[in-house]
């Protein structure tokens, strides 16, 4: 039922060895917002902003895929400036397949 299942897990997104993933050939990252990057309803923290800056510097393309509405994601994305899809109906895979 869920075609995108993790092959590995980390305690938080801040514990992932991103440089290693890039070296292995991963070029893009998709993030959810609430309960992944921040607590539900919280704005982007300095830690998240720094993470995204570092990921862009490594060479990753970053995307936000969230069940939140456009207003919530736009507000969260203010200092991140990455493409996003609101109301994504996760875990439905349809929006994982959209062109960005």
PDB file of N, CA and C in Angstrom:
ATOM      1  N   UNK A   1       0.811  -1.199   0.000  1.00  0.00           N
ATOM      2  CA  UNK A   1       0.000   0.000   0.000  1.00  0.00           C
ATOM      3  C   UNK A   1       0.854   1.262   0.000  1.00  0.00           C
ATOM      4  N   UNK A   2       1.992   1.242   0.675  1.00  0.00           N
ATOM      5  CA  UNK A   2       2.862   2.416   0.745  1.00  0.00           C
ATOM      6  C   UNK A   2       4.134   2.141  -0.051  1.00  0.00           C
ATOM      7  N   UNK A   3       4.257   2.711  -1.256  1.00  0.00           N
ATOM      8  CA  UNK A   3       5.408   2.395  -2.103  1.00  0.00           C
ATOM      9  C   UNK A   3       6.717   3.040  -1.661  1.00  0.00           C
ATOM     10  N   UNK A   4       6.659   4.010  -0.751  1.00  0.00           N
ATOM     11  CA  UNK A   4       7.870   4.703  -0.320  1.00  0.00           C
ATOM     12  C   UNK A   4       8.123   4.434   1.158  1.00  0.00           C
ATOM     13  N   UNK A   5       8.826   3.380   1.418  1.00  0.00           N
ATOM     14  CA  UNK A   5       9.148   3.008   2.792  1.00  0.00           C
ATOM     15  C   UNK A   5      10.645   3.211   3.016  1.00  0.00           C
ATOM     16  N   UNK A   6      11.023   3.676   4.194  1.00  0.00           N
ATOM     17  CA  UNK A   6      12.448   3.935   4.447  1.00  0.00           C
ATOM     18  C   UNK A   6      13.268   2.649   4.520  1.00  0.00           C
ATOM     19  N   UNK A   7      14.482   2.746   3.995  1.00  0.00           N
ATOM     20  CA  UNK A   7      15.424   1.634   4.105  1.00  0.00           C
ATOM     21  C   UNK A   7      16.254   1.775   5.374  1.00  0.00           C
ATOM     22  N   UNK A   8      16.255   2.978   5.935  1.00  0.00           N
ATOM     23  CA  UNK A   8      16.998   3.257   7.169  1.00  0.00           C
ATOM     24  C   UNK A   8      16.223   4.304   7.952  1.00  0.00           C
ATOM     25  N   UNK A   9      16.533   4.416   9.217  1.00  0.00           N
ATOM     26  CA  UNK A   9      15.860   5.391  10.078  1.00  0.00           C
ATOM     27  C   UNK A   9      16.884   6.165  10.885  1.00  0.00           C
ATOM     28  N   UNK A  10      16.505   7.399  11.247  1.00  0.00           N
ATOM     29  CA  UNK A  10      17.333   8.238  12.119  1.00  0.00           C
ATOM     30  C   UNK A  10      16.418   8.814  13.187  1.00  0.00           C
ATOM     31  N   UNK A  11      16.983   9.155  14.318  1.00  0.00           N
ATOM     32  CA  UNK A  11      16.178   9.702  15.411  1.00  0.00           C
ATOM     33  C   UNK A  11      15.522  11.017  14.999  1.00  0.00           C
ATOM     34  N   UNK A  12      16.281  11.896  14.344  1.00  0.00           N
ATOM     35  CA  UNK A  12      15.736  13.158  13.831  1.00  0.00           C
ATOM     36  C   UNK A  12      16.343  13.428  12.458  1.00  0.00           C
ATOM     37  N   UNK A  13      15.777  14.381  11.741  1.00  0.00           N
ATOM     38  CA  UNK A  13      16.335  14.762  10.438  1.00  0.00           C
ATOM     39  C   UNK A  13      17.716  15.379  10.587  1.00  0.00           C
ATOM     40  N   UNK A  14      18.052  15.812  11.786  1.00  0.00           N
ATOM     41  CA  UNK A  14      19.353  16.436  12.030  1.00  0.00           C
ATOM     42  C   UNK A  14      20.451  15.398  12.270  1.00  0.00           C
ATOM     43  N   UNK A  15      20.062  14.131  12.376  1.00  0.00           N
ATOM     44  CA  UNK A  15      21.013  13.044  12.615  1.00  0.00           C
ATOM     45  C   UNK A  15      21.358  12.260  11.348  1.00  0.00           C
ATOM     46  N   UNK A  16      20.823  12.655  10.229  1.00  0.00           N
ATOM     47  CA  UNK A  16      21.038  11.927   8.976  1.00  0.00           C
ATOM     48  C   UNK A  16      22.385  12.329   8.367  1.00  0.00           C
ATOM     49  N   UNK A  17      23.167  11.368   7.884  1.00  0.00           N
ATOM     50  CA  UNK A  17      24.461  11.681   7.251  1.00  0.00           C
ATOM     51  C   UNK A  17      24.259  12.120   5.789  1.00  0.00           C
ATOM     52  N   UNK A  18      23.831  13.351   5.602  1.00  0.00           N
ATOM     53  CA  UNK A  18      23.467  13.843   4.273  1.00  0.00           C
ATOM     54  C   UNK A  18      24.625  13.818   3.281  1.00  0.00           C
ATOM     55  N   UNK A  19      25.814  14.169   3.726  1.00  0.00           N
ATOM     56  CA  UNK A  19      26.968  14.152   2.820  1.00  0.00           C
ATOM     57  C   UNK A  19      27.160  12.751   2.246  1.00  0.00           C
ATOM     58  N   UNK A  20      27.003  11.756   3.080  1.00  0.00           N
ATOM     59  CA  UNK A  20      27.132  10.361   2.637  1.00  0.00           C
ATOM     60  C   UNK A  20      26.028  10.001   1.643  1.00  0.00           C
ATOM     61  N   UNK A  21      24.812  10.435   1.901  1.00  0.00           N
ATOM     62  CA  UNK A  21      23.713  10.171   0.969  1.00  0.00           C
ATOM     63  C   UNK A  21      24.010  10.772  -0.399  1.00  0.00           C
ATOM     64  N   UNK A  22      24.535  11.993  -0.394  1.00  0.00           N
ATOM     65  CA  UNK A  22      24.863  12.653  -1.659  1.00  0.00           C
ATOM     66  C   UNK A  22      25.950  11.869  -2.398  1.00  0.00           C
ATOM     67  N   UNK A  23      26.943  11.410  -1.661  1.00  0.00           N
ATOM     68  CA  UNK A  23      28.021  10.615  -2.263  1.00  0.00           C
ATOM     69  C   UNK A  23      27.494   9.302  -2.845  1.00  0.00           C
ATOM     70  N   UNK A  24      26.434   8.783  -2.258  1.00  0.00           N
ATOM     71  CA  UNK A  24      25.819   7.546  -2.745  1.00  0.00           C
ATOM     72  C   UNK A  24      24.929   7.775  -3.964  1.00  0.00           C
ATOM     73  N   UNK A  25      24.725   9.045  -4.338  1.00  0.00           N
ATOM     74  CA  UNK A  25      23.951   9.341  -5.533  1.00  0.00           C
ATOM     75  C   UNK A  25      22.588   9.957  -5.305  1.00  0.00           C
ATOM     76  N   UNK A  26      22.204  10.161  -4.062  1.00  0.00           N
ATOM     77  CA  UNK A  26      20.934  10.830  -3.788  1.00  0.00           C
ATOM     78  C   UNK A  26      21.096  12.310  -4.110  1.00  0.00           C
ATOM     79  N   UNK A  27      20.163  12.864  -4.882  1.00  0.00           N
ATOM     80  CA  UNK A  27      20.276  14.263  -5.302  1.00  0.00           C
ATOM     81  C   UNK A  27      19.123  15.131  -4.818  1.00  0.00           C
ATOM     82  N   UNK A  28      18.038  14.521  -4.372  1.00  0.00           N
ATOM     83  CA  UNK A  28      16.882  15.271  -3.915  1.00  0.00           C
ATOM     84  C   UNK A  28      16.349  14.731  -2.603  1.00  0.00           C
ATOM     85  N   UNK A  29      15.750  15.631  -1.825  1.00  0.00           N
ATOM     86  CA  UNK A  29      15.181  15.267  -0.528  1.00  0.00           C
ATOM     87  C   UNK A  29      13.777  15.839  -0.423  1.00  0.00           C
ATOM     88  N   UNK A  30      12.852  15.038   0.071  1.00  0.00           N
ATOM     89  CA  UNK A  30      11.477  15.474   0.307  1.00  0.00           C
ATOM     90  C   UNK A  30      11.244  15.453   1.812  1.00  0.00           C
ATOM     91  N   UNK A  31      10.777  16.582   2.338  1.00  0.00           N
ATOM     92  CA  UNK A  31      10.517  16.691   3.773  1.00  0.00           C
ATOM     93  C   UNK A  31       9.058  17.018   4.027  1.00  0.00           C
ATOM     94  N   UNK A  32       8.508  16.447   5.085  1.00  0.00           N
ATOM     95  CA  UNK A  32       7.251  16.896   5.665  1.00  0.00           C
ATOM     96  C   UNK A  32       7.622  18.001   6.653  1.00  0.00           C
ATOM     97  N   UNK A  33       6.649  18.744   7.122  1.00  0.00           N
ATOM     98  CA  UNK A  33       6.936  19.847   8.048  1.00  0.00           C
ATOM     99  C   UNK A  33       6.667  19.424   9.489  1.00  0.00           C
ATOM    100  N   UNK A  34       5.376  19.311   9.819  1.00  0.00           N
ATOM    101  CA  UNK A  34       4.981  19.067  11.206  1.00  0.00           C
ATOM    102  C   UNK A  34       5.347  17.659  11.660  1.00  0.00           C
ATOM    103  N   UNK A  35       5.967  17.582  12.819  1.00  0.00           N
ATOM    104  CA  UNK A  35       6.425  16.349  13.448  1.00  0.00           C
ATOM    105  C   UNK A  35       7.594  15.707  12.696  1.00  0.00           C
ATOM    106  N   UNK A  36       8.163  16.422  11.738  1.00  0.00           N
ATOM    107  CA  UNK A  36       9.370  15.964  11.046  1.00  0.00           C
ATOM    108  C   UNK A  36      10.463  17.012  11.199  1.00  0.00           C
ATOM    109  N   UNK A  37      10.192  18.222  10.722  1.00  0.00           N
ATOM    110  CA  UNK A  37      11.163  19.315  10.854  1.00  0.00           C
ATOM    111  C   UNK A  37      10.950  20.111  12.134  1.00  0.00           C
ATOM    112  N   UNK A  38       9.693  20.283  12.524  1.00  0.00           N
ATOM    113  CA  UNK A  38       9.346  21.052  13.731  1.00  0.00           C
ATOM    114  C   UNK A  38       8.125  20.428  14.401  1.00  0.00           C
ATOM    115  N   UNK A  39       7.836  20.884  15.600  1.00  0.00           N
ATOM    116  CA  UNK A  39       6.604  20.476  16.273  1.00  0.00           C
ATOM    117  C   UNK A  39       5.416  21.039  15.495  1.00  0.00           C
ATOM    118  N   UNK A  40       4.263  20.412  15.637  1.00  0.00           N
ATOM    119  CA  UNK A  40       3.074  20.802  14.891  1.00  0.00           C
ATOM    120  C   UNK A  40       2.780  22.299  15.034  1.00  0.00           C
ATOM    121  N   UNK A  41       2.671  22.993  13.901  1.00  0.00           N
ATOM    122  CA  UNK A  41       2.299  24.401  13.873  1.00  0.00           C
ATOM    123  C   UNK A  41       3.430  25.382  14.111  1.00  0.00           C
ATOM    124  N   UNK A  42       4.623  24.898  14.417  1.00  0.00           N
ATOM    125  CA  UNK A  42       5.750  25.790  14.726  1.00  0.00           C
ATOM    126  C   UNK A  42       6.361  26.367  13.445  1.00  0.00           C
ATOM    127  N   UNK A  43       6.969  27.546  13.545  1.00  0.00           N
ATOM    128  CA  UNK A  43       7.678  28.115  12.392  1.00  0.00           C
ATOM    129  C   UNK A  43       9.016  27.403  12.182  1.00  0.00           C
ATOM    130  N   UNK A  44       9.633  27.667  11.055  1.00  0.00           N
ATOM    131  CA  UNK A  44      10.967  27.112  10.794  1.00  0.00           C
ATOM    132  C   UNK A  44      11.938  27.663  11.826  1.00  0.00           C
ATOM    133  N   UNK A  45      12.683  26.789  12.447  1.00  0.00           N
ATOM    134  CA  UNK A  45      13.653  27.194  13.464  1.00  0.00           C
ATOM    135  C   UNK A  45      14.991  27.525  12.797  1.00  0.00           C
ATOM    136  N   UNK A  46      15.873  28.148  13.564  1.00  0.00           N
ATOM    137  CA  UNK A  46      17.221  28.424  13.053  1.00  0.00           C
ATOM    138  C   UNK A  46      17.912  27.121  12.662  1.00  0.00           C
ATOM    139  N   UNK A  47      17.660  26.064  13.415  1.00  0.00           N
ATOM    140  CA  UNK A  47      18.264  24.765  13.117  1.00  0.00           C
ATOM    141  C   UNK A  47      17.793  24.241  11.757  1.00  0.00           C
ATOM    142  N   UNK A  48      16.511  24.406  11.455  1.00  0.00           N
ATOM    143  CA  UNK A  48      15.968  23.972  10.166  1.00  0.00           C
ATOM    144  C   UNK A  48      16.532  24.838   9.041  1.00  0.00           C
ATOM    145  N   UNK A  49      16.572  26.145   9.253  1.00  0.00           N
ATOM    146  CA  UNK A  49      17.105  27.058   8.237  1.00  0.00           C
ATOM    147  C   UNK A  49      18.559  26.705   7.927  1.00  0.00           C
ATOM    148  N   UNK A  50      19.347  26.469   8.959  1.00  0.00           N
ATOM    149  CA  UNK A  50      20.752  26.098   8.775  1.00  0.00           C
ATOM    150  C   UNK A  50      20.876  24.749   8.063  1.00  0.00           C
ATOM    151  N   UNK A  51      20.028  23.788   8.431  1.00  0.00           N
ATOM    152  CA  UNK A  51      20.042  22.487   7.769  1.00  0.00           C
ATOM    153  C   UNK A  51      19.801  22.653   6.271  1.00  0.00           C
ATOM    154  N   UNK A  52      18.775  23.418   5.903  1.00  0.00           N
ATOM    155  CA  UNK A  52      18.452  23.591   4.488  1.00  0.00           C
ATOM    156  C   UNK A  52      19.571  24.324   3.754  1.00  0.00           C
ATOM    157  N   UNK A  53      20.192  25.301   4.388  1.00  0.00           N
ATOM    158  CA  UNK A  53      21.329  25.990   3.771  1.00  0.00           C
ATOM    159  C   UNK A  53      22.458  25.003   3.505  1.00  0.00           C
ATOM    160  N   UNK A  54      22.741  24.155   4.476  1.00  0.00           N
ATOM    161  CA  UNK A  54      23.797  23.150   4.323  1.00  0.00           C
ATOM    162  C   UNK A  54      23.457  22.137   3.230  1.00  0.00           C
ATOM    163  N   UNK A  55      22.206  21.714   3.173  1.00  0.00           N
ATOM    164  CA  UNK A  55      21.793  20.747   2.158  1.00  0.00           C
ATOM    165  C   UNK A  55      21.906  21.337   0.757  1.00  0.00           C
ATOM    166  N   UNK A  56      21.522  22.598   0.611  1.00  0.00           N
ATOM    167  CA  UNK A  56      21.664  23.273  -0.685  1.00  0.00           C
ATOM    168  C   UNK A  56      23.139  23.390  -1.058  1.00  0.00           C
ATOM    169  N   UNK A  57      23.993  23.701  -0.086  1.00  0.00           N
ATOM    170  CA  UNK A  57      25.434  23.827  -0.342  1.00  0.00           C
ATOM    171  C   UNK A  57      26.035  22.487  -0.780  1.00  0.00           C
ATOM    172  N   UNK A  58      25.532  21.392  -0.232  1.00  0.00           N
ATOM    173  CA  UNK A  58      25.995  20.063  -0.646  1.00  0.00           C
ATOM    174  C   UNK A  58      25.611  19.809  -2.098  1.00  0.00           C
ATOM    175  N   UNK A  59      24.456  20.329  -2.508  1.00  0.00           N
ATOM    176  CA  UNK A  59      23.987  20.134  -3.876  1.00  0.00           C
ATOM    177  C   UNK A  59      22.614  19.507  -3.991  1.00  0.00           C
ATOM    178  N   UNK A  60      21.958  19.262  -2.867  1.00  0.00           N
ATOM    179  CA  UNK A  60      20.630  18.655  -2.882  1.00  0.00           C
ATOM    180  C   UNK A  60      19.569  19.616  -3.412  1.00  0.00           C
ATOM    181  N   UNK A  61      18.595  19.051  -4.112  1.00  0.00           N
ATOM    182  CA  UNK A  61      17.349  19.748  -4.388  1.00  0.00           C
ATOM    183  C   UNK A  61      16.415  19.357  -3.251  1.00  0.00           C
ATOM    184  N   UNK A  62      15.726  20.338  -2.691  1.00  0.00           N
ATOM    185  CA  UNK A  62      14.886  20.100  -1.518  1.00  0.00           C
ATOM    186  C   UNK A  62      13.449  20.453  -1.859  1.00  0.00           C
ATOM    187  N   UNK A  63      12.526  19.674  -1.319  1.00  0.00           N
ATOM    188  CA  UNK A  63      11.108  19.851  -1.603  1.00  0.00           C
ATOM    189  C   UNK A  63      10.316  19.602  -0.330  1.00  0.00           C
ATOM    190  N   UNK A  64       9.278  20.397  -0.106  1.00  0.00           N
ATOM    191  CA  UNK A  64       8.358  20.176   1.013  1.00  0.00           C
ATOM    192  C   UNK A  64       7.076  19.553   0.473  1.00  0.00           C
ATOM    193  N   UNK A  65       6.659  18.470   1.066  1.00  0.00           N
ATOM    194  CA  UNK A  65       5.422  17.787   0.708  1.00  0.00           C
ATOM    195  C   UNK A  65       4.630  17.648   1.997  1.00  0.00           C
ATOM    196  N   UNK A  66       3.499  18.348   2.078  1.00  0.00           N
ATOM    197  CA  UNK A  66       2.789  18.430   3.350  1.00  0.00           C
ATOM    198  C   UNK A  66       1.284  18.326   3.157  1.00  0.00           C
ATOM    199  N   UNK A  67       0.625  17.807   4.165  1.00  0.00           N
ATOM    200  CA  UNK A  67      -0.835  17.800   4.171  1.00  0.00           C
ATOM    201  C   UNK A  67      -1.393  19.138   4.640  1.00  0.00           C
ATOM    202  N   UNK A  68      -0.526  20.054   5.047  1.00  0.00           N
ATOM    203  CA  UNK A  68      -0.959  21.384   5.472  1.00  0.00           C
ATOM    204  C   UNK A  68      -1.475  22.195   4.293  1.00  0.00           C
ATOM    205  N   UNK A  69      -2.214  23.270   4.611  1.00  0.00           N
ATOM    206  CA  UNK A  69      -2.697  24.148   3.552  1.00  0.00           C
ATOM    207  C   UNK A  69      -1.579  25.084   3.081  1.00  0.00           C
ATOM    208  N   UNK A  70      -1.836  25.761   1.978  1.00  0.00           N
ATOM    209  CA  UNK A  70      -0.814  26.611   1.363  1.00  0.00           C
ATOM    210  C   UNK A  70      -0.357  27.735   2.285  1.00  0.00           C
ATOM    211  N   UNK A  71      -1.275  28.296   3.058  1.00  0.00           N
ATOM    212  CA  UNK A  71      -0.913  29.381   3.977  1.00  0.00           C
ATOM    213  C   UNK A  71       0.124  28.910   5.001  1.00  0.00           C
ATOM    214  N   UNK A  72      -0.103  27.759   5.579  1.00  0.00           N
ATOM    215  CA  UNK A  72       0.835  27.216   6.580  1.00  0.00           C
ATOM    216  C   UNK A  72       2.209  26.967   5.959  1.00  0.00           C
ATOM    217  N   UNK A  73       2.231  26.342   4.788  1.00  0.00           N
ATOM    218  CA  UNK A  73       3.514  26.010   4.166  1.00  0.00           C
ATOM    219  C   UNK A  73       4.234  27.269   3.700  1.00  0.00           C
ATOM    220  N   UNK A  74       3.513  28.213   3.140  1.00  0.00           N
ATOM    221  CA  UNK A  74       4.128  29.462   2.687  1.00  0.00           C
ATOM    222  C   UNK A  74       4.775  30.185   3.857  1.00  0.00           C
ATOM    223  N   UNK A  75       4.083  30.235   4.978  1.00  0.00           N
ATOM    224  CA  UNK A  75       4.633  30.883   6.172  1.00  0.00           C
ATOM    225  C   UNK A  75       5.875  30.137   6.666  1.00  0.00           C
ATOM    226  N   UNK A  76       5.811  28.831   6.720  1.00  0.00           N
ATOM    227  CA  UNK A  76       6.949  28.027   7.167  1.00  0.00           C
ATOM    228  C   UNK A  76       8.135  28.186   6.217  1.00  0.00           C
ATOM    229  N   UNK A  77       7.861  28.267   4.941  1.00  0.00           N
ATOM    230  CA  UNK A  77       8.866  28.280   3.881  1.00  0.00           C
ATOM    231  C   UNK A  77       9.501  29.657   3.659  1.00  0.00           C
ATOM    232  N   UNK A  78       9.062  30.651   4.390  1.00  0.00           N
ATOM    233  CA  UNK A  78       9.497  32.032   4.185  1.00  0.00           C
ATOM    234  C   UNK A  78      11.020  32.181   4.142  1.00  0.00           C
ATOM    235  N   UNK A  79      11.747  31.523   5.018  1.00  0.00           N
ATOM    236  CA  UNK A  79      13.207  31.648   5.067  1.00  0.00           C
ATOM    237  C   UNK A  79      13.926  30.458   4.426  1.00  0.00           C
ATOM    238  N   UNK A  80      13.147  29.531   3.879  1.00  0.00           N
ATOM    239  CA  UNK A  80      13.741  28.337   3.272  1.00  0.00           C
ATOM    240  C   UNK A  80      13.770  28.430   1.749  1.00  0.00           C
ATOM    241  N   UNK A  81      12.715  28.985   1.188  1.00  0.00           N
ATOM    242  CA  UNK A  81      12.607  29.201  -0.264  1.00  0.00           C
ATOM    243  C   UNK A  81      12.831  27.922  -1.073  1.00  0.00           C
ATOM    244  N   UNK A  82      12.017  26.917  -0.783  1.00  0.00           N
ATOM    245  CA  UNK A  82      12.079  25.674  -1.549  1.00  0.00           C
ATOM    246  C   UNK A  82      10.697  25.398  -2.140  1.00  0.00           C
ATOM    247  N   UNK A  83      10.620  24.646  -3.236  1.00  0.00           N
ATOM    248  CA  UNK A  83       9.313  24.310  -3.802  1.00  0.00           C
ATOM    249  C   UNK A  83       8.515  23.428  -2.839  1.00  0.00           C
ATOM    250  N   UNK A  84       7.187  23.477  -2.978  1.00  0.00           N
ATOM    251  CA  UNK A  84       6.333  22.677  -2.093  1.00  0.00           C
ATOM    252  C   UNK A  84       5.020  22.328  -2.767  1.00  0.00           C
ATOM    253  N   UNK A  85       4.373  21.309  -2.238  1.00  0.00           N
ATOM    254  CA  UNK A  85       3.005  20.952  -2.611  1.00  0.00           C
ATOM    255  C   UNK A  85       2.196  20.896  -1.329  1.00  0.00           C
ATOM    256  N   UNK A  86       1.154  21.748  -1.223  1.00  0.00           N
ATOM    257  CA  UNK A  86       0.273  21.692  -0.053  1.00  0.00           C
ATOM    258  C   UNK A  86      -0.814  20.633  -0.251  1.00  0.00           C
ATOM    259  N   UNK A  87      -1.524  20.336   0.820  1.00  0.00           N
ATOM    260  CA  UNK A  87      -2.659  19.412   0.764  1.00  0.00           C
ATOM    261  C   UNK A  87      -2.312  18.164  -0.052  1.00  0.00           C
ATOM    262  N   UNK A  88      -1.190  17.562   0.253  1.00  0.00           N
ATOM    263  CA  UNK A  88      -0.626  16.500  -0.587  1.00  0.00           C
ATOM    264  C   UNK A  88      -1.283  15.131  -0.423  1.00  0.00           C
ATOM    265  N   UNK A  89      -2.146  14.995   0.561  1.00  0.00           N
ATOM    266  CA  UNK A  89      -2.870  13.740   0.787  1.00  0.00           C
ATOM    267  C   UNK A  89      -1.934  12.561   1.069  1.00  0.00           C
ATOM    268  N   UNK A  90      -0.802  12.841   1.744  1.00  0.00           N
ATOM    269  CA  UNK A  90       0.090  11.741   2.117  1.00  0.00           C
ATOM    270  C   UNK A  90      -0.689  10.740   2.970  1.00  0.00           C
ATOM    271  N   UNK A  91      -0.475   9.491   2.802  1.00  0.00           N
ATOM    272  CA  UNK A  91       0.602   8.821   2.074  1.00  0.00           C
ATOM    273  C   UNK A  91       0.295   8.486   0.619  1.00  0.00           C
ATOM    274  N   UNK A  92      -0.766   9.045   0.034  1.00  0.00           N
ATOM    275  CA  UNK A  92      -1.065   8.805  -1.373  1.00  0.00           C
ATOM    276  C   UNK A  92       0.155   9.184  -2.216  1.00  0.00           C
ATOM    277  N   UNK A  93       0.657   8.281  -3.060  1.00  0.00           N
ATOM    278  CA  UNK A  93       1.894   8.552  -3.808  1.00  0.00           C
ATOM    279  C   UNK A  93       1.742   9.521  -4.971  1.00  0.00           C
ATOM    280  N   UNK A  94       0.526   9.994  -5.284  1.00  0.00           N
ATOM    281  CA  UNK A  94       0.334  10.815  -6.483  1.00  0.00           C
ATOM    282  C   UNK A  94       1.218  12.057  -6.499  1.00  0.00           C
ATOM    283  N   UNK A  95       1.384  12.740  -5.375  1.00  0.00           N
ATOM    284  CA  UNK A  95       2.171  13.967  -5.369  1.00  0.00           C
ATOM    285  C   UNK A  95       3.669  13.717  -5.276  1.00  0.00           C
ATOM    286  N   UNK A  96       4.069  12.509  -4.935  1.00  0.00           N
ATOM    287  CA  UNK A  96       5.488  12.166  -4.979  1.00  0.00           C
ATOM    288  C   UNK A  96       5.954  12.095  -6.433  1.00  0.00           C
ATOM    289  N   UNK A  97       5.014  11.899  -7.335  1.00  0.00           N
ATOM    290  CA  UNK A  97       5.346  11.697  -8.744  1.00  0.00           C
ATOM    291  C   UNK A  97       5.199  12.963  -9.575  1.00  0.00           C
ATOM    292  N   UNK A  98       4.719  14.063  -9.009  1.00  0.00           N
ATOM    293  CA  UNK A  98       4.546  15.304  -9.761  1.00  0.00           C
ATOM    294  C   UNK A  98       5.892  15.903 -10.117  1.00  0.00           C
ATOM    295  N   UNK A  99       5.931  16.575 -11.270  1.00  0.00           N
ATOM    296  CA  UNK A  99       7.138  17.322 -11.642  1.00  0.00           C
ATOM    297  C   UNK A  99       7.183  18.595 -10.833  1.00  0.00           C
ATOM    298  N   UNK A 100       8.382  18.966 -10.378  1.00  0.00           N
ATOM    299  CA  UNK A 100       8.506  20.209  -9.612  1.00  0.00           C
ATOM    300  C   UNK A 100       8.922  21.341 -10.506  1.00  0.00           C
TER     301      UNK A 100
END
